Amino acid sequence: MPLSIINGRVIDPSQQLDRIGNLRIHEGKIVALNVPPGDDDVIFDAADKIVVPGLVDMHVHLREPGREED
């Protein structure tokens, strides 16, 4: 089932994109930008949220469980 993310701040530096817009995703891939949601889409309202291709937490702490003192 397609997913439409609407009203989010879409940021993609590789495309020089930074604006409020909509994304349509089908089978895990972005298939359209700034189109209205389809009738059968699951809709996620991302108002006041940032929509980006991916982020990585560079400050993650990987440890063995039970070593909370580190």
Protein backbone atom coordinates (compact mmCIF):
# COMPACT_ATOMS: atom_id res chain seq x y z
CA MET A 1 0.00 0.00 0.00
CA PRO A 2 1.49 3.41 -0.94
CA LEU A 3 2.43 5.93 1.74
CA SER A 4 2.07 9.69 1.38
CA ILE A 5 4.05 11.93 3.70
CA ILE A 6 2.43 15.35 3.53
CA ASN A 7 3.25 18.87 4.78
CA GLY A 8 6.81 18.01 5.86
CA ARG A 9 9.95 20.09 5.42
CA VAL A 10 11.67 18.01 2.74
CA ILE A 11 15.47 18.40 2.80
CA ASP A 12 17.83 16.68 0.36
CA PRO A 13 21.20 18.41 -0.08
CA SER A 14 22.10 16.20 -3.06
CA GLN A 15 19.09 17.66 -4.93
CA GLN A 16 19.48 21.19 -3.46
CA LEU A 17 16.01 20.76 -1.98
CA ASP A 18 14.71 22.47 1.16
CA ARG A 19 10.98 23.21 1.15
CA ILE A 20 7.61 22.18 2.55
CA GLY A 21 6.19 19.42 0.41
CA ASN A 22 4.74 15.96 -0.03
CA LEU A 23 6.38 12.62 -0.80
CA ARG A 24 4.73 9.51 -2.16
CA ILE A 25 6.42 6.21 -1.35
CA HIS A 26 5.57 2.84 -2.88
CA GLU A 27 7.34 -0.46 -2.12
CA GLY A 28 10.03 1.40 -0.14
CA LYS A 29 10.95 3.86 -2.89
CA ILE A 30 10.08 7.51 -3.41
CA VAL A 31 7.95 7.60 -6.54
CA ALA A 32 6.70 11.20 -6.55
CA LEU A 33 7.40 14.59 -5.04
CA ASN A 34 4.76 17.26 -4.43
CA VAL A 35 1.76 15.32 -5.65
CA PRO A 36 -1.52 14.96 -3.76
CA PRO A 37 -2.05 11.68 -1.90
CA GLY A 38 -3.74 8.89 -3.80
CA ASP A 39 -7.14 7.54 -2.75
CA ASP A 40 -5.62 4.29 -1.41
CA ASP A 41 -2.56 5.87 0.27
CA VAL A 42 -1.75 5.67 3.95
CA ILE A 43 -1.28 9.33 4.92
CA PHE A 44 1.25 10.59 7.45
CA ASP A 45 1.00 14.31 8.25
CA ALA A 46 4.56 15.54 8.86
CA ALA A 47 3.65 19.15 9.65
CA ASP A 48 6.40 20.73 11.79
CA LYS A 49 8.66 17.74 11.04
CA ILE A 50 11.76 17.32 8.85
CA VAL A 51 11.78 14.68 6.11
CA VAL A 52 15.30 13.65 5.04
CA PRO A 53 16.83 10.73 3.08
CA GLY A 54 18.61 9.34 6.16
CA LEU A 55 20.50 10.32 9.27
CA VAL A 56 23.16 8.50 11.28
CA ASP A 57 23.83 9.04 14.99
CA MET A 58 27.61 9.57 15.01
CA HIS A 59 27.66 9.71 18.83
CA VAL A 60 26.29 6.24 19.46
CA HIS A 61 27.86 4.15 22.27
CA LEU A 62 28.13 0.45 21.41
CA ARG A 63 28.79 -1.64 24.51
CA GLU A 64 27.98 -4.98 25.98
CA PRO A 65 24.66 -4.98 27.86
CA GLY A 66 25.10 -4.46 31.61
CA ARG A 67 27.98 -1.98 31.36
CA GLU A 68 25.94 1.13 32.13
CA GLU A 69 28.76 2.69 34.20
CA ASP A 70 30.81 3.54 31.04
